[in-house]
Amino acid sequence: MKAWLIIINNFVHDLFTGLWISSVLVIYLLGRKAGFEQGTPLATSLQEVMKVFFWLGVFSILVIIITGIFRLREYKLQNSGASEPVKKRVLILKHILLGGVFLAGTYLAYIHAFYGSYF
């Protein structure tokens, strides 16, 4: 049973990472369309849809963090050996880089979804 929970957790973690990326992409694409239609009812409607995708992205980040905590816990229990220090450093670096990407992407999505500044 534990093995299935780990697999499901890892799947959800990866799925919501893709969902976050997709929400930022949708905001970008809708923002471009809204930029061409500024001042029209369509632009206003697109802005509302962009806000929904922004909050979907925020929810995705929360799910990513929660499932990541479970992954970290399981990773610590399963991994040991000579390559462990290298793996640990690489994972830390990966998460620092991805954390920066998540912060920057979410900030840009927020600006574009709520203030109408388009990419």
Protein backbone atom coordinates (compact mmCIF):
# COMPACT_ATOMS: atom_id res chain seq x y z
CA MET A 1 0.00 0.00 0.00
CA LYS A 2 2.83 2.40 0.86
CA ALA A 3 4.39 1.92 -2.57
CA TRP A 4 1.11 2.95 -4.24
CA LEU A 5 0.85 6.07 -2.08
CA ILE A 6 4.40 7.05 -3.03
CA ILE A 7 3.65 6.56 -6.73
CA ILE A 8 0.42 8.57 -6.47
CA ASN A 9 2.18 11.34 -4.52
CA ASN A 10 4.95 11.57 -7.12
CA PHE A 11 2.39 11.60 -9.94
CA VAL A 12 0.37 14.39 -8.27
CA HIS A 13 3.59 16.38 -7.66
CA ASP A 14 4.57 16.18 -11.32
CA LEU A 15 1.02 16.72 -12.57
CA PHE A 16 0.57 19.93 -10.61
CA THR A 17 3.99 21.17 -11.73
CA GLY A 18 2.72 20.84 -15.30
CA LEU A 19 -0.55 22.50 -14.32
CA TRP A 20 1.34 25.49 -12.91
CA ILE A 21 3.38 25.81 -16.10
CA SER A 22 0.20 25.54 -18.16
CA SER A 23 -1.58 28.21 -16.11
CA VAL A 24 1.26 30.67 -16.70
CA LEU A 25 1.23 29.84 -20.42
CA VAL A 26 -2.55 30.37 -20.63
CA ILE A 27 -2.22 33.72 -18.84
CA TYR A 28 0.45 34.71 -21.34
CA LEU A 29 -1.67 33.71 -24.35
CA LEU A 30 -4.86 35.31 -23.02
CA GLY A 31 -2.90 38.42 -22.07
CA ARG A 32 -1.66 38.81 -25.61
CA LYS A 33 -5.20 38.49 -26.94
CA ALA A 34 -6.54 40.93 -24.32
CA GLY A 35 -3.77 43.36 -25.25
CA PHE A 36 -5.04 43.48 -28.83
CA GLU A 37 -8.61 43.98 -27.61
CA GLN A 38 -7.94 46.61 -24.92
CA GLY A 39 -11.00 48.46 -23.67
CA THR A 40 -13.49 45.96 -25.08
CA PRO A 41 -15.84 43.61 -23.23
CA LEU A 42 -13.73 40.73 -24.58
CA ALA A 43 -10.62 42.12 -22.89
CA THR A 44 -12.51 42.40 -19.60
CA SER A 45 -13.73 38.81 -19.90
CA LEU A 46 -10.25 37.57 -20.73
CA GLN A 47 -8.91 39.41 -17.68
CA GLU A 48 -11.38 37.52 -15.47
CA VAL A 49 -10.33 34.20 -16.99
CA MET A 50 -6.69 35.12 -16.41
CA LYS A 51 -7.44 35.68 -12.72
CA VAL A 52 -8.98 32.21 -12.48
CA PHE A 53 -5.85 30.70 -14.01
CA PHE A 54 -3.66 32.72 -11.65
CA TRP A 55 -5.44 31.25 -8.62
CA LEU A 56 -5.25 27.80 -10.20
CA GLY A 57 -1.49 28.31 -10.45
CA VAL A 58 -1.27 29.37 -6.79
CA PHE A 59 -3.25 26.28 -5.78
CA SER A 60 -0.88 24.19 -7.88
CA ILE A 61 2.13 25.60 -6.04
CA LEU A 62 0.55 24.68 -2.70
CA VAL A 63 -0.04 21.11 -3.90
CA ILE A 64 3.53 20.96 -5.22
CA ILE A 65 4.90 22.05 -1.84
CA ILE A 66 2.77 19.59 0.14
CA THR A 67 3.55 16.62 -2.11
CA GLY A 68 7.20 17.72 -2.20
CA ILE A 69 7.38 17.49 1.59
CA PHE A 70 6.17 13.89 1.37
CA ARG A 71 8.69 13.18 -1.38
CA LEU A 72 11.49 14.63 0.73
CA ARG A 73 10.49 12.51 3.71
CA GLU A 74 10.45 9.35 1.65
CA TYR A 75 13.66 10.30 -0.14
CA LYS A 76 15.48 10.65 3.18
CA LEU A 77 14.28 7.22 4.30
CA GLN A 78 15.27 5.43 1.08
CA ASN A 79 18.52 6.98 -0.06
CA SER A 80 21.94 6.49 1.41
CA GLY A 81 25.32 5.57 0.02
CA ALA A 82 28.39 7.06 -1.56
CA SER A 83 26.50 9.14 -4.13
CA GLU A 84 24.16 10.63 -1.52
CA PRO A 85 26.08 13.92 -0.95
CA VAL A 86 26.20 14.64 -4.69
CA LYS A 87 22.50 13.81 -5.15
CA LYS A 88 21.62 16.01 -2.21
CA ARG A 89 23.55 19.00 -3.59
CA VAL A 90 22.05 18.58 -7.05
CA LEU A 91 18.52 18.34 -5.62
CA ILE A 92 19.09 21.44 -3.52
CA LEU A 93 20.37 23.35 -6.55
CA LYS A 94 17.44 22.12 -8.66
CA HIS A 95 14.93 23.29 -6.09
CA ILE A 96 16.60 26.67 -5.66
CA LEU A 97 16.45 27.21 -9.43
CA LEU A 98 12.87 25.94 -9.72
CA GLY A 99 11.85 28.00 -6.69
CA GLY A 100 13.13 31.10 -8.46
CA VAL A 101 11.27 30.12 -11.64
CA PHE A 102 8.05 29.56 -9.65
CA LEU A 103 8.37 32.90 -7.86
CA ALA A 104 9.17 34.84 -11.03
CA GLY A 105 6.51 33.10 -13.11
CA THR A 106 3.84 33.55 -10.45
CA TYR A 107 4.77 37.22 -10.02
CA LEU A 108 4.53 37.84 -13.77
CA ALA A 109 1.23 35.96 -13.93
CA TYR A 110 -0.10 38.08 -11.05
CA ILE A 111 0.92 41.35 -12.70
CA HIS A 112 -0.64 40.36 -16.00
CA ALA A 113 -3.79 38.82 -14.55
CA PHE A 114 -4.61 41.62 -12.13
CA TYR A 115 -3.09 44.76 -13.63
CA GLY A 116 -3.52 44.12 -17.34
CA SER A 117 0.13 44.56 -18.15
CA TYR A 118 0.73 42.18 -21.02
CA PHE A 119 3.83 40.22 -21.96
